[in-house]
Amino acid sequence: MVTVRELEATEETVIPYLANGPRMLVLSEKIDTESEREQESSLSLVFSEDKQEIEVVLKVENASTVPLTGVEVTRTFPSNFEIPEGPEYSVEESSLSWTVGRLAVGQSQTLELTPTVLTSDIEKIPAGIATATYSADSTVSRINFEKVSARSRAAPFVTPQEDDRPGIWHSKFVFENKSSFVVTLSDITVVLAGREEPILDASDLRVDLPPEGSWDSMVKTVKSEDQPRFTFPTLSYSILPRASAISRGEVTLKEQKLTVLDAEILKKFDKSRIRSFVGSDVEATITIENKGSATINVMRLMDDIPGVFSPPSSDSINIEMGGSELNEDQFRVEVVNGIQLEEKMISPDGPGHSLRITVGTSAPLGLQPGKTLVIRYPLHASEPSKENGTLAAPARADFSAERFGPVATRTVIRPPQISIIHRRRSFTTGKEVYPGGGQGRYEILLVFQNNSDSALDDLALHDVVPGTFSLESSNVKSSTRGERDASYTKEPAREGTHITWKVGRIEKGERITVQYEIQGDPESEYKVSDAQDYHGATFGDEVDDEPNLPEWAEAKKPGALPEIPIP
């Protein structure tokens, strides 16, 4: 109970108090960045140079037990929003005003907007603030006046004014409300002293006079030689102590923020060259880094596998996020016959395959901004033909933050490439024996020429010196580098001594000659034909002059790609 003893006219008293009461006005807002899907709303946008249309729905509802008046909604928008014009609202700079007016009990009004948004960067975008104001002839706390009393100070008086002719008076009768409440004037009778007939007789007036208000009668003309005196035999008025309960409210919604989808996708092979008609193993790695401010929860990848490779099995595909391997129920792999993305650098051996990898099937993926998803799998090329040249293997990722939200698409700007090289080993070798100067002396010439497509490693020339002979001297010459190291190793053999000259690397087109002399007992019988037996040369694999490191095709802008819907 709150008591205010007295209030003079126009006086104001403020009594603060706390109260809990039901809401009078409900203001709600729904933002949907992908309204065309007609599913649950989303709050993510794709990082793009193009403007994106979103839907904003504002709704006000009278939740009180009395009508609401003066309902008005204002909403601010950031500078990167463009607000379309509409007949229901007005727009000034970046602020929208919607005048609703009166809302009956339970009544609601809805305003739909379709502004466009430009994502200038990947940071979260404030969506603006909505505020509604209203008035009501009731209080939120339901407090009201229990008793109001008043006292009146009314003053009737006459204002006579003498005419130009003496003895004639023009009189106007005035009633002033000097109280602090509304007064209703009902009856008034005015009589000139000494006469019985009233000058003014007004009944059933029902004139409401506010505090400090007044009522004036029509001017009455009275003849009197003396100054006229008036009486008020009848004066009826009543006090109307009126009290009204009024509330004014404001509702402001918490600002929502729109997140931005962006990612970078990279793909590589662990090598850039494989040999034709020879089985080769290659490891492929795809890396997707979340570059935006939205969490990526659904992702589908389309990954081309050139025709020289067999597709990997599902069991061999490994997917990691944040250093932890995903369970098999968190992703799904489909093998599609034929490549889907590359159009030029393709293999004649076959149509190839494509992998469709969906990540986030059993539950949202939860790839946070700044985090990385890594996919690895092995590839095997059994016998690539020599008709293959350089092949490219692009990949594409489609991802979203919400199941029915906007879908962002990113492709590998520089896809990895693999070259099939056709290199075969070819060589010329021979041996000649010549009689030397003196009895029992012979000169022997070993020849090896590399006719292969590339250098050969670990070349070694072998020969056998008969048991009755000894090696006197030797030299090794190269057709391109001149004298080379002539050191050799000896090993005893059944037919004599096994000699090995370890030459090492021999370049493409290079010719190596080993010339040595042997000396034996002049009396010993030696058949030159036996010495001409060739004991061969050994060498290793072809030498790759450049490290077999990953390589990528030239950067290119993605064209029209097939649509890959997010399930």
Protein backbone atom coordinates (compact mmCIF):
# COMPACT_ATOMS: atom_id res chain seq x y z
CA MET A 1 0.00 0.00 0.00
CA VAL A 2 1.36 3.38 -1.05
CA THR A 3 -0.31 6.57 0.23
CA VAL A 4 0.06 10.04 -1.27
CA ARG A 5 -1.57 12.55 1.07
CA GLU A 6 -1.97 15.51 -1.25
CA LEU A 7 -1.04 16.62 -4.72
CA GLU A 8 -1.49 20.14 -5.89
CA ALA A 9 -2.52 20.80 -9.45
CA THR A 10 0.23 19.76 -11.95
CA GLU A 11 2.34 18.44 -9.08
CA GLU A 12 4.17 15.14 -9.63
CA THR A 13 5.34 12.49 -7.18
CA VAL A 14 7.62 9.58 -8.16
CA ILE A 15 7.66 6.44 -6.03
CA PRO A 16 10.14 3.79 -7.26
CA TYR A 17 9.27 0.16 -6.66
CA LEU A 18 10.13 -3.31 -7.96
CA ALA A 19 7.59 -5.71 -9.33
CA ASN A 20 7.35 -8.95 -11.27
CA GLY A 21 4.62 -9.21 -13.80
CA PRO A 22 3.73 -10.89 -17.07
CA ARG A 23 5.15 -9.59 -20.31
CA MET A 24 2.97 -7.11 -22.10
CA LEU A 25 4.66 -7.09 -25.51
CA VAL A 26 6.58 -9.96 -27.08
CA LEU A 27 9.15 -8.98 -29.72
CA SER A 28 10.75 -11.81 -31.68
CA GLU A 29 13.08 -11.98 -34.65
CA LYS A 30 14.09 -14.78 -36.99
CA ILE A 31 17.06 -14.53 -39.34
CA ASP A 32 17.54 -17.13 -42.07
CA THR A 33 20.49 -16.98 -44.45
CA GLU A 34 19.10 -19.81 -46.62
CA SER A 35 15.35 -19.29 -46.66
CA GLU A 36 14.82 -21.06 -50.00
CA ARG A 37 15.21 -24.48 -48.37
CA GLU A 38 12.17 -23.94 -46.10
CA GLN A 39 13.81 -25.87 -43.29
CA GLU A 40 15.19 -24.73 -39.94
CA SER A 41 16.84 -21.35 -40.21
CA SER A 42 20.59 -20.84 -40.48
CA LEU A 43 22.95 -18.06 -39.43
CA SER A 44 25.94 -18.61 -41.71
CA LEU A 45 27.05 -16.91 -44.92
CA VAL A 46 29.56 -17.85 -47.61
CA PHE A 47 32.65 -15.68 -47.94
CA SER A 48 32.10 -14.24 -51.40
CA GLU A 49 32.45 -11.10 -53.48
CA ASP A 50 28.74 -11.30 -54.33
CA LYS A 51 25.92 -9.95 -52.18
CA GLN A 52 23.82 -12.60 -50.47
CA GLU A 53 20.13 -12.26 -49.72
CA ILE A 54 18.87 -13.19 -46.27
CA GLU A 55 15.45 -13.17 -44.64
CA VAL A 56 14.63 -11.20 -41.49
CA VAL A 57 11.20 -11.70 -39.88
CA LEU A 58 10.10 -9.35 -37.08
CA LYS A 59 7.02 -10.14 -35.00
CA VAL A 60 5.28 -8.19 -32.23
CA GLU A 61 2.51 -9.73 -30.13
CA ASN A 62 0.31 -8.27 -27.41
CA ALA A 63 0.67 -10.70 -24.51
CA SER A 64 -1.13 -8.49 -21.97
CA THR A 65 -4.79 -8.27 -20.93
CA VAL A 66 -5.24 -4.71 -22.22
CA PRO A 67 -4.80 -3.15 -25.66
CA LEU A 68 -1.40 -1.67 -26.47
CA THR A 69 -1.02 1.61 -28.30
CA GLY A 70 1.82 3.47 -29.94
CA VAL A 71 3.63 0.25 -30.81
CA GLU A 72 6.71 1.03 -32.90
CA VAL A 73 9.66 -1.15 -33.89
CA THR A 74 13.07 0.19 -34.88
CA ARG A 75 15.92 -1.93 -36.17
CA THR A 76 19.47 -0.96 -36.94
CA PHE A 77 21.60 -2.62 -39.62
CA PRO A 78 25.39 -2.58 -40.13
CA SER A 79 26.83 -0.74 -43.12
CA ASN A 80 27.36 -3.92 -45.16
CA PHE A 81 23.58 -4.57 -45.18
CA GLU A 82 21.41 -3.17 -47.95
CA ILE A 83 17.75 -2.75 -46.94
CA PRO A 84 15.08 -2.85 -49.66
CA GLU A 85 12.30 -0.29 -49.63
CA GLY A 86 8.81 -1.32 -48.53
CA PRO A 87 5.37 0.24 -47.95
CA GLU A 88 5.10 -0.94 -44.34
CA TYR A 89 8.21 0.72 -43.00
CA SER A 90 10.58 3.60 -43.55
CA VAL A 91 14.35 3.49 -43.89
CA GLU A 92 16.70 6.27 -42.91
CA GLU A 93 20.39 5.57 -43.50
CA SER A 94 20.97 2.22 -41.75
CA SER A 95 17.90 2.28 -39.49
CA LEU A 96 14.42 0.91 -40.16
CA SER A 97 11.21 2.15 -38.48
CA TRP A 98 8.01 0.12 -38.46
CA THR A 99 4.92 1.83 -37.01
CA VAL A 100 2.50 -0.84 -35.82
CA GLY A 101 0.13 1.42 -33.85
CA ARG A 102 -2.54 -0.36 -31.80
CA LEU A 103 -2.51 -4.04 -30.87
CA ALA A 104 -5.60 -5.62 -29.40
CA VAL A 105 -5.31 -8.31 -26.74
CA GLY A 106 -3.62 -11.35 -28.30
CA GLN A 107 -3.11 -9.61 -31.64
CA SER A 108 0.22 -9.87 -33.47
CA GLN A 109 1.82 -8.26 -36.50
CA THR A 110 4.67 -9.59 -38.67
CA LEU A 111 7.14 -7.82 -40.93
CA GLU A 112 9.28 -9.73 -43.44
CA LEU A 113 12.45 -8.23 -44.92
CA THR A 114 14.94 -9.51 -47.49
CA PRO A 115 18.11 -7.42 -47.09
CA THR A 116 21.35 -8.31 -48.88
CA VAL A 117 24.68 -8.74 -47.10
CA LEU A 118 28.22 -8.32 -48.40
CA THR A 119 30.84 -10.42 -46.60
CA SER A 120 33.85 -8.13 -46.71
CA ASP A 121 35.93 -10.42 -44.48
CA ILE A 122 35.68 -13.69 -42.57
CA GLU A 123 34.93 -12.18 -39.16
CA LYS A 124 31.53 -12.65 -37.52
CA ILE A 125 29.00 -10.08 -38.76
CA PRO A 126 26.76 -8.26 -36.22
CA ALA A 127 23.22 -8.47 -37.59
CA GLY A 128 21.83 -5.31 -35.95
CA ILE A 129 19.52 -4.63 -32.99
CA ALA A 130 15.70 -4.58 -32.89
CA THR A 131 13.80 -2.47 -30.32
CA ALA A 132 10.05 -2.09 -29.75
CA THR A 133 8.27 0.61 -27.71
CA TYR A 134 4.62 0.67 -26.59
CA SER A 135 2.07 2.30 -24.27
CA ALA A 136 -0.79 0.74 -22.30
CA ASP A 137 -3.62 1.89 -20.00
CA SER A 138 -2.37 -0.54 -17.39
CA THR A 139 0.76 -1.21 -15.43
CA VAL A 140 3.03 -4.22 -15.77
CA SER A 141 2.77 -4.88 -12.03
CA ARG A 142 -1.05 -4.50 -12.17
CA ILE A 143 -0.86 -1.78 -9.48
CA ASN A 144 -3.86 0.60 -9.48
CA PHE A 145 -5.57 3.31 -7.42
CA GLU A 146 -7.73 2.06 -4.59
CA LYS A 147 -9.19 5.41 -3.44
CA VAL A 148 -8.96 8.98 -4.73
CA SER A 149 -10.55 11.94 -2.97
CA ALA A 150 -10.53 15.66 -3.80
CA ARG A 151 -11.65 19.06 -2.62
CA SER A 152 -12.88 21.89 -4.79
CA ARG A 153 -12.23 25.58 -4.96
CA ALA A 154 -14.73 26.94 -7.49
CA ALA A 155 -15.27 30.66 -8.10
CA PRO A 156 -18.30 32.12 -10.00
CA PHE A 157 -18.12 35.80 -10.88
CA VAL A 158 -19.58 38.41 -13.23
CA THR A 159 -17.76 40.86 -15.48
CA PRO A 160 -20.21 43.76 -16.20
CA GLN A 161 -19.13 46.39 -18.72
CA GLU A 162 -21.08 49.65 -19.16
CA ASP A 163 -22.31 50.55 -22.61
CA ASP A 164 -21.71 53.85 -24.33
CA ARG A 165 -25.19 54.78 -23.15
CA PRO A 166 -25.32 55.15 -19.38
CA GLY A 167 -27.44 52.65 -17.46
CA ILE A 168 -26.87 49.80 -19.89
CA TRP A 169 -24.52 47.01 -18.78
CA HIS A 170 -23.17 44.13 -20.84
CA SER A 171 -22.45 41.28 -18.46
CA LYS A 172 -20.72 37.90 -18.90
CA PHE A 173 -20.88 35.25 -16.22
CA VAL A 174 -17.73 33.12 -15.59
CA PHE A 175 -17.19 29.92 -13.60
CA GLU A 176 -13.55 28.98 -12.83
CA ASN A 177 -12.34 25.61 -11.53
CA LYS A 178 -9.71 26.37 -8.92
CA SER A 179 -9.44 22.76 -7.74
CA SER A 180 -6.90 20.10 -8.70
CA PHE A 181 -9.54 17.82 -10.16
CA VAL A 182 -11.99 17.90 -12.99
CA VAL A 183 -15.24 19.68 -12.09
CA THR A 184 -18.54 19.14 -13.88
CA LEU A 185 -20.76 22.24 -14.00
CA SER A 186 -24.42 21.21 -14.03
CA ASP A 187 -26.68 24.25 -13.28
CA ILE A 188 -26.23 27.98 -12.82
CA THR A 189 -28.80 30.73 -12.18
CA VAL A 190 -27.92 34.44 -12.03
CA VAL A 191 -30.35 37.07 -10.67
CA LEU A 192 -29.98 40.87 -10.59
CA ALA A 193 -30.45 42.12 -7.03
CA GLY A 194 -33.95 43.47 -6.47
CA ARG A 195 -35.49 41.48 -9.30
CA GLU A 196 -37.09 38.07 -9.40
CA GLU A 197 -36.65 37.20 -13.06
CA PRO A 198 -33.23 35.52 -13.58
CA ILE A 199 -30.87 37.02 -16.09
CA LEU A 200 -29.24 33.62 -16.74
CA ASP A 201 -30.88 30.29 -16.12
CA ALA A 202 -28.79 27.37 -17.46
CA SER A 203 -29.56 23.84 -16.38
CA ASP A 204 -28.27 20.40 -17.38
CA LEU A 205 -25.02 21.87 -18.69
CA ARG A 206 -22.72 18.90 -17.97
CA VAL A 207 -19.61 20.90 -18.72
CA ASP A 208 -16.35 19.22 -17.59
CA LEU A 209 -13.74 21.71 -16.51
CA PRO A 210 -10.14 20.60 -15.95
CA PRO A 211 -8.04 22.14 -13.19
CA GLU A 212 -7.60 25.86 -13.87
CA GLY A 213 -10.30 25.59 -16.53
CA SER A 214 -13.23 28.05 -16.86
CA TRP A 215 -16.70 28.38 -18.41
CA ASP A 216 -18.03 31.62 -19.90
CA SER A 217 -21.70 32.37 -20.56
CA MET A 218 -23.06 34.42 -23.40
CA VAL A 219 -23.06 38.20 -22.85
CA LYS A 220 -26.29 39.42 -21.21
CA THR A 221 -27.50 43.06 -21.38
CA VAL A 222 -28.94 44.57 -18.18
CA LYS A 223 -30.46 48.03 -17.59
CA SER A 224 -29.61 49.55 -14.26
CA GLU A 225 -29.02 53.15 -13.26
CA ASP A 226 -26.81 52.01 -10.43
CA GLN A 227 -23.92 49.59 -10.51
CA PRO A 228 -25.57 46.17 -10.89
CA ARG A 229 -25.24 43.53 -8.20
CA PHE A 230 -25.78 39.85 -9.00
CA THR A 231 -26.59 36.79 -6.93
CA PHE A 232 -26.31 33.07 -7.73
CA PRO A 233 -29.34 31.40 -6.21
CA THR A 234 -28.51 28.20 -8.07
CA LEU A 235 -24.97 26.89 -8.65
CA SER A 236 -24.53 23.13 -9.03
CA TYR A 237 -21.23 21.40 -9.82
CA SER A 238 -19.56 18.14 -8.88
CA ILE A 239 -15.96 16.98 -8.48
CA LEU A 240 -14.63 14.19 -10.74
CA PRO A 241 -11.45 12.85 -9.11
CA ARG A 242 -10.06 10.95 -12.13
CA ALA A 243 -6.98 8.72 -11.90
CA SER A 244 -5.53 6.72 -14.78
CA ALA A 245 -2.85 3.97 -14.85
CA ILE A 246 -0.51 4.17 -17.83
CA SER A 247 2.66 2.22 -18.62
CA ARG A 248 5.24 2.72 -21.31
CA GLY A 249 7.65 -0.06 -22.16
CA GLU A 250 10.64 -0.85 -24.33
CA VAL A 251 11.83 -4.27 -25.46
CA THR A 252 15.30 -4.76 -26.99
CA LEU A 253 16.50 -8.04 -28.47
CA LYS A 254 20.01 -9.35 -28.04
CA GLU A 255 21.97 -8.83 -31.23
CA GLN A 256 22.58 -11.94 -33.31
CA LYS A 257 25.80 -12.54 -35.22
CA LEU A 258 26.22 -14.16 -38.61
CA THR A 259 29.19 -16.44 -39.16
CA VAL A 260 31.16 -16.70 -42.41
CA LEU A 261 32.06 -19.92 -44.23
CA ASP A 262 35.49 -20.19 -45.83
CA ALA A 263 38.14 -22.89 -46.20
CA GLU A 264 41.32 -23.70 -48.08
CA ILE A 265 41.70 -27.11 -49.72
CA LEU A 266 45.10 -28.49 -50.73
CA LYS A 267 45.99 -31.81 -52.32
CA LYS A 268 49.33 -33.46 -53.06
CA PHE A 269 50.96 -36.70 -54.16
CA ASP A 270 54.13 -37.75 -52.38
CA LYS A 271 55.94 -37.95 -55.74
CA SER A 272 55.57 -36.44 -59.19
CA ARG A 273 56.94 -39.19 -61.50
CA ILE A 274 56.30 -42.89 -61.97
CA ARG A 275 57.66 -45.25 -64.64
CA SER A 276 55.64 -46.76 -67.43
CA PHE A 277 54.87 -50.49 -67.34
CA VAL A 278 56.23 -50.69 -63.80
CA GLY A 279 54.11 -50.96 -60.69
CA SER A 280 54.27 -47.84 -58.49
CA ASP A 281 52.75 -46.75 -55.19
CA VAL A 282 51.75 -43.15 -54.49
CA GLU A 283 50.25 -41.59 -51.36
CA ALA A 284 47.63 -38.86 -51.74
CA THR A 285 46.97 -36.25 -49.03
CA ILE A 286 44.09 -33.76 -48.93
CA THR A 287 44.14 -30.95 -46.35
CA ILE A 288 41.12 -28.74 -45.61
CA GLU A 289 41.70 -25.82 -43.24
CA ASN A 290 38.75 -23.86 -41.84
CA LYS A 291 39.58 -20.25 -42.74
CA GLY A 292 36.22 -18.74 -41.77
CA SER A 293 34.42 -17.84 -38.53
CA ALA A 294 31.72 -20.53 -38.86
CA THR A 295 32.13 -24.07 -37.58
CA ILE A 296 32.03 -26.57 -40.46
CA ASN A 297 29.68 -29.41 -39.56
CA VAL A 298 28.93 -31.06 -42.90
CA MET A 299 31.45 -31.63 -45.70
CA ARG A 300 31.46 -33.51 -48.97
CA LEU A 301 34.55 -33.90 -51.14
CA MET A 302 34.82 -34.84 -54.79
CA ASP A 303 38.31 -36.14 -55.54
CA ASP A 304 39.60 -37.20 -58.97
CA ILE A 305 41.81 -40.30 -59.31
CA PRO A 306 43.59 -40.49 -62.71
CA GLY A 307 43.05 -43.56 -64.90
CA VAL A 308 46.52 -45.04 -64.24
CA PHE A 309 45.55 -45.76 -60.61
CA SER A 310 43.24 -48.26 -59.01
CA PRO A 311 40.80 -46.69 -56.52
CA PRO A 312 41.68 -47.15 -52.84
CA SER A 313 39.60 -49.35 -50.60
CA SER A 314 37.47 -47.70 -47.93
CA ASP A 315 39.55 -49.36 -45.23
CA SER A 316 42.73 -47.72 -46.50
CA ILE A 317 41.36 -44.16 -46.26
CA ASN A 318 42.45 -42.35 -43.12
CA ILE A 319 40.78 -39.11 -41.94
CA GLU A 320 42.14 -37.04 -39.06
CA MET A 321 40.91 -33.89 -37.35
CA GLY A 322 42.98 -32.15 -34.73
CA GLY A 323 45.41 -35.06 -34.62
CA SER A 324 42.68 -37.60 -33.84
CA GLU A 325 41.49 -40.21 -36.30
CA LEU A 326 37.78 -40.20 -37.11
CA ASN A 327 35.73 -43.33 -36.58
CA GLU A 328 34.38 -45.14 -39.61
CA ASP A 329 30.79 -44.16 -38.77
CA GLN A 330 31.72 -40.48 -39.01
CA PHE A 331 32.35 -40.55 -42.76
CA ARG A 332 31.18 -42.34 -45.87
CA VAL A 333 33.18 -43.11 -49.03
CA GLU A 334 31.69 -43.76 -52.46
CA VAL A 335 33.71 -44.68 -55.56
CA VAL A 336 32.36 -43.17 -58.78
CA ASN A 337 33.43 -44.54 -62.14
CA GLY A 338 35.15 -41.82 -64.18
CA ILE A 339 36.81 -38.59 -63.13
CA GLN A 340 34.42 -35.70 -62.50
CA LEU A 341 36.55 -32.55 -62.42
CA GLU A 342 39.59 -32.71 -64.72
CA GLU A 343 38.97 -32.23 -68.45
CA LYS A 344 42.39 -31.93 -70.12
CA MET A 345 45.22 -33.70 -68.31
CA ILE A 346 43.64 -37.16 -68.38
CA SER A 347 44.95 -40.70 -68.91
CA PRO A 348 44.35 -42.79 -72.05
CA ASP A 349 44.52 -45.95 -69.94
CA GLY A 350 41.00 -45.60 -68.59
CA PRO A 351 38.28 -43.22 -67.38
CA GLY A 352 39.67 -43.18 -63.86
CA HIS A 353 37.58 -42.83 -60.72
CA SER A 354 36.34 -40.22 -58.29
CA LEU A 355 35.95 -40.45 -54.56
CA ARG A 356 32.89 -38.96 -52.91
CA ILE A 357 33.77 -38.56 -49.26
CA THR A 358 31.07 -37.30 -46.90
CA VAL A 359 32.34 -36.28 -43.46
CA GLY A 360 29.92 -35.61 -40.61
CA THR A 361 27.35 -38.35 -41.28
CA SER A 362 26.54 -39.66 -37.81
CA ALA A 363 27.03 -36.34 -35.99
CA PRO A 364 28.11 -32.76 -36.80
CA LEU A 365 31.76 -32.65 -37.84
CA GLY A 366 32.66 -29.71 -35.59
CA LEU A 367 35.64 -28.39 -37.58
CA GLN A 368 36.34 -25.19 -35.66
CA PRO A 369 37.83 -22.04 -37.26
CA GLY A 370 41.58 -22.45 -37.70
CA LYS A 371 41.44 -26.25 -37.42
CA THR A 372 42.41 -28.72 -40.16
CA LEU A 373 40.96 -31.91 -41.60
CA VAL A 374 43.48 -34.28 -43.24
CA ILE A 375 42.59 -37.18 -45.58
CA ARG A 376 45.22 -39.73 -46.64
CA TYR A 377 44.96 -42.79 -48.85
CA PRO A 378 47.31 -44.97 -50.95
CA LEU A 379 47.16 -45.37 -54.72
CA HIS A 380 48.67 -48.09 -56.87
CA ALA A 381 49.48 -47.88 -60.57
CA SER A 382 50.05 -51.39 -61.90
CA GLU A 383 51.38 -50.87 -65.45
CA PRO A 384 50.91 -47.32 -66.78
CA SER A 385 51.29 -47.19 -70.54
CA LYS A 386 53.93 -45.02 -72.16
CA GLU A 387 51.17 -43.05 -73.93
CA ASN A 388 50.47 -41.28 -70.65
CA GLY A 389 51.92 -37.84 -70.20
CA THR A 390 51.33 -35.57 -67.22
CA LEU A 391 48.06 -36.15 -65.38
CA ALA A 392 46.25 -33.80 -62.98
CA ALA A 393 44.06 -34.80 -60.03
CA PRO A 394 41.89 -31.90 -58.80
CA ALA A 395 39.61 -32.02 -55.76
CA ARG A 396 36.64 -30.01 -54.59
CA ALA A 397 34.99 -29.49 -51.18
CA ASP A 398 31.38 -28.45 -50.48
CA PHE A 399 30.70 -27.62 -46.84
CA SER A 400 28.21 -25.90 -44.56
CA ALA A 401 27.73 -24.98 -40.92
CA GLU A 402 24.10 -26.12 -40.71
CA ARG A 403 22.41 -29.08 -42.31
CA PHE A 404 20.12 -26.83 -44.36
CA GLY A 405 22.32 -23.74 -44.40
CA PRO A 406 24.26 -22.11 -47.24
CA VAL A 407 26.85 -24.32 -48.94
CA ALA A 408 30.34 -23.00 -49.68
CA THR A 409 32.42 -24.52 -52.47
CA ARG A 410 36.19 -24.48 -52.65
CA THR A 411 38.44 -26.23 -55.18
CA VAL A 412 42.13 -27.03 -55.20
CA ILE A 413 43.62 -24.03 -57.00
CA ARG A 414 46.74 -25.96 -58.04
CA PRO A 415 45.91 -29.67 -58.34
CA PRO A 416 48.73 -32.21 -57.94
CA GLN A 417 50.17 -33.72 -61.09
CA ILE A 418 51.83 -37.04 -61.81
CA SER A 419 54.02 -37.69 -64.85
CA ILE A 420 54.52 -41.13 -66.40
CA ILE A 421 58.07 -41.39 -67.68
CA HIS A 422 59.14 -44.03 -70.21
CA ARG A 423 62.79 -44.87 -69.60
CA ARG A 424 64.52 -48.11 -70.57
CA ARG A 425 68.08 -49.34 -69.95
CA SER A 426 70.26 -49.99 -72.99
CA PHE A 427 74.01 -50.50 -73.24
CA THR A 428 76.87 -51.72 -75.42
CA THR A 429 79.63 -53.90 -73.96
CA GLY A 430 82.62 -55.80 -75.27
CA LYS A 431 86.09 -57.20 -74.64
CA GLU A 432 89.23 -57.45 -76.74
CA VAL A 433 92.60 -59.21 -76.03
CA TYR A 434 95.83 -58.08 -77.74
CA PRO A 435 99.34 -59.52 -77.48
CA GLY A 436 101.59 -57.09 -75.62
CA GLY A 437 105.25 -56.28 -75.92
CA GLY A 438 107.29 -59.25 -74.75
CA GLN A 439 106.69 -62.89 -74.16
CA GLY A 440 103.73 -63.75 -71.94
CA ARG A 441 102.35 -60.16 -71.91
CA TYR A 442 98.83 -59.33 -73.06
CA GLU A 443 96.66 -56.16 -73.18
CA ILE A 444 92.96 -56.49 -72.48
CA LEU A 445 90.28 -53.84 -73.28
CA LEU A 446 86.84 -53.80 -71.60
CA VAL A 447 84.19 -51.47 -73.04
CA PHE A 448 80.79 -50.36 -71.64
CA GLN A 449 78.60 -47.66 -73.22
CA ASN A 450 75.36 -46.39 -71.64
CA ASN A 451 72.65 -46.12 -74.32
CA SER A 452 69.83 -45.77 -71.77
CA ASP A 453 67.42 -42.83 -71.44
CA SER A 454 69.16 -41.70 -68.30
CA ALA A 455 72.27 -42.22 -66.22
CA LEU A 456 72.91 -45.57 -64.55
CA ASP A 457 74.15 -46.01 -61.04
CA ASP A 458 76.66 -48.44 -59.49
CA LEU A 459 78.38 -49.56 -62.70
CA ALA A 460 81.00 -52.27 -62.14
CA LEU A 461 83.05 -54.08 -64.83
CA HIS A 462 84.23 -57.63 -64.15
CA ASP A 463 86.93 -59.89 -65.62
CA VAL A 464 89.00 -62.95 -64.70
CA VAL A 465 92.80 -63.14 -64.94
CA PRO A 466 93.94 -66.74 -65.61
CA GLY A 467 95.66 -68.45 -62.72
CA THR A 468 99.15 -68.43 -64.30
CA PHE A 469 98.98 -64.66 -64.97
CA SER A 470 99.14 -61.57 -62.83
CA LEU A 471 97.62 -58.11 -63.30
CA GLU A 472 100.41 -55.64 -64.00
CA SER A 473 98.57 -52.32 -64.57
CA SER A 474 95.18 -50.87 -65.47
CA ASN A 475 93.50 -47.57 -66.28
CA VAL A 476 89.90 -46.43 -66.63
CA LYS A 477 88.82 -43.74 -69.09
CA SER A 478 85.54 -41.95 -69.71
CA SER A 479 84.46 -40.55 -73.04
CA THR A 480 83.16 -37.44 -71.30
CA ARG A 481 85.31 -37.06 -68.19
CA GLY A 482 88.69 -38.49 -69.18
CA GLU A 483 90.76 -40.49 -66.70
CA ARG A 484 88.84 -42.02 -63.83
CA ASP A 485 89.77 -43.87 -60.70
CA ALA A 486 91.41 -47.16 -61.73
CA SER A 487 91.22 -48.91 -58.37
CA TYR A 488 89.95 -52.46 -58.36
CA THR A 489 89.30 -55.41 -56.10
CA LYS A 490 90.55 -58.98 -56.37
CA GLU A 491 88.87 -62.18 -55.36
CA PRO A 492 90.21 -65.71 -55.93
CA ALA A 493 88.17 -67.78 -58.33
CA ARG A 494 88.36 -71.36 -59.62
CA GLU A 495 89.55 -70.25 -63.04
CA GLY A 496 91.92 -67.55 -61.73
CA THR A 497 91.55 -64.15 -60.08
CA HIS A 498 88.26 -62.25 -60.28
CA ILE A 499 88.92 -58.52 -60.86
CA THR A 500 86.22 -55.84 -60.36
CA TRP A 501 86.48 -52.17 -61.35
CA LYS A 502 83.77 -50.18 -59.51
CA VAL A 503 83.11 -47.23 -61.80
CA GLY A 504 79.97 -45.90 -60.11
CA ARG A 505 77.63 -43.60 -62.00
CA ILE A 506 77.74 -43.53 -65.79
CA GLU A 507 75.91 -40.76 -67.58
CA LYS A 508 73.58 -41.13 -70.52
CA GLY A 509 75.67 -41.68 -73.69
CA GLU A 510 78.93 -42.03 -71.72
CA ARG A 511 81.49 -44.70 -72.74
CA ILE A 512 83.79 -46.35 -70.19
CA THR A 513 86.92 -48.27 -71.23
CA VAL A 514 89.10 -50.33 -68.91
CA GLN A 515 92.53 -51.22 -70.27
CA TYR A 516 94.85 -53.50 -68.31
CA GLU A 517 97.93 -55.68 -68.83
CA ILE A 518 98.59 -59.18 -67.60
CA GLN A 519 101.95 -60.97 -67.42
CA GLY A 520 102.41 -64.71 -67.36
CA ASP A 521 105.12 -67.40 -67.68
CA PRO A 522 106.40 -67.28 -71.27
CA GLU A 523 106.57 -71.06 -71.25
CA SER A 524 102.97 -71.34 -70.14
CA GLU A 525 100.42 -72.18 -72.71
CA TYR A 526 97.80 -69.41 -73.01
CA LYS A 527 94.93 -69.38 -75.42
CA VAL A 528 93.83 -65.89 -76.38
CA SER A 529 90.36 -67.19 -77.12
CA ASP A 530 90.00 -68.21 -73.48
CA ALA A 531 90.90 -64.70 -72.31
CA GLN A 532 88.22 -63.23 -74.54
CA ASP A 533 85.44 -64.73 -72.45
CA TYR A 534 83.36 -61.76 -71.27
CA HIS A 535 82.55 -61.79 -67.58
CA GLY A 536 80.06 -58.97 -67.74
CA ALA A 537 79.12 -55.69 -66.14
CA THR A 538 76.66 -54.93 -63.39
CA PHE A 539 74.76 -51.70 -62.73
CA GLY A 540 71.90 -50.41 -60.66
CA ASP A 541 68.69 -48.55 -61.44
CA GLU A 542 68.32 -45.62 -63.71
CA VAL A 543 69.33 -42.40 -62.04
CA ASP A 544 66.68 -39.68 -61.63
CA ASP A 545 68.64 -36.48 -61.90
CA GLU A 546 65.97 -34.49 -60.04
CA PRO A 547 64.44 -35.42 -56.67
CA ASN A 548 61.06 -37.07 -57.13
CA LEU A 549 59.16 -34.46 -55.14
CA PRO A 550 55.50 -33.40 -55.33
CA GLU A 551 54.54 -31.09 -58.19
CA TRP A 552 51.39 -29.15 -58.97
CA ALA A 553 49.70 -27.99 -62.14
CA GLU A 554 49.35 -24.32 -62.97
CA ALA A 555 46.77 -22.38 -61.00
CA LYS A 556 43.44 -22.02 -62.73
CA LYS A 557 40.10 -20.56 -61.84
CA PRO A 558 37.37 -23.15 -61.38
CA GLY A 559 34.71 -23.18 -64.04
CA ALA A 560 31.21 -24.58 -63.90
CA LEU A 561 31.41 -27.67 -61.72
CA PRO A 562 28.78 -30.35 -61.18
CA GLU A 563 26.52 -29.74 -58.23
CA ILE A 564 27.22 -31.89 -55.20
CA PRO A 565 24.36 -31.40 -52.73
CA ILE A 566 24.95 -31.64 -49.01
CA PRO A 567 22.71 -34.46 -47.77
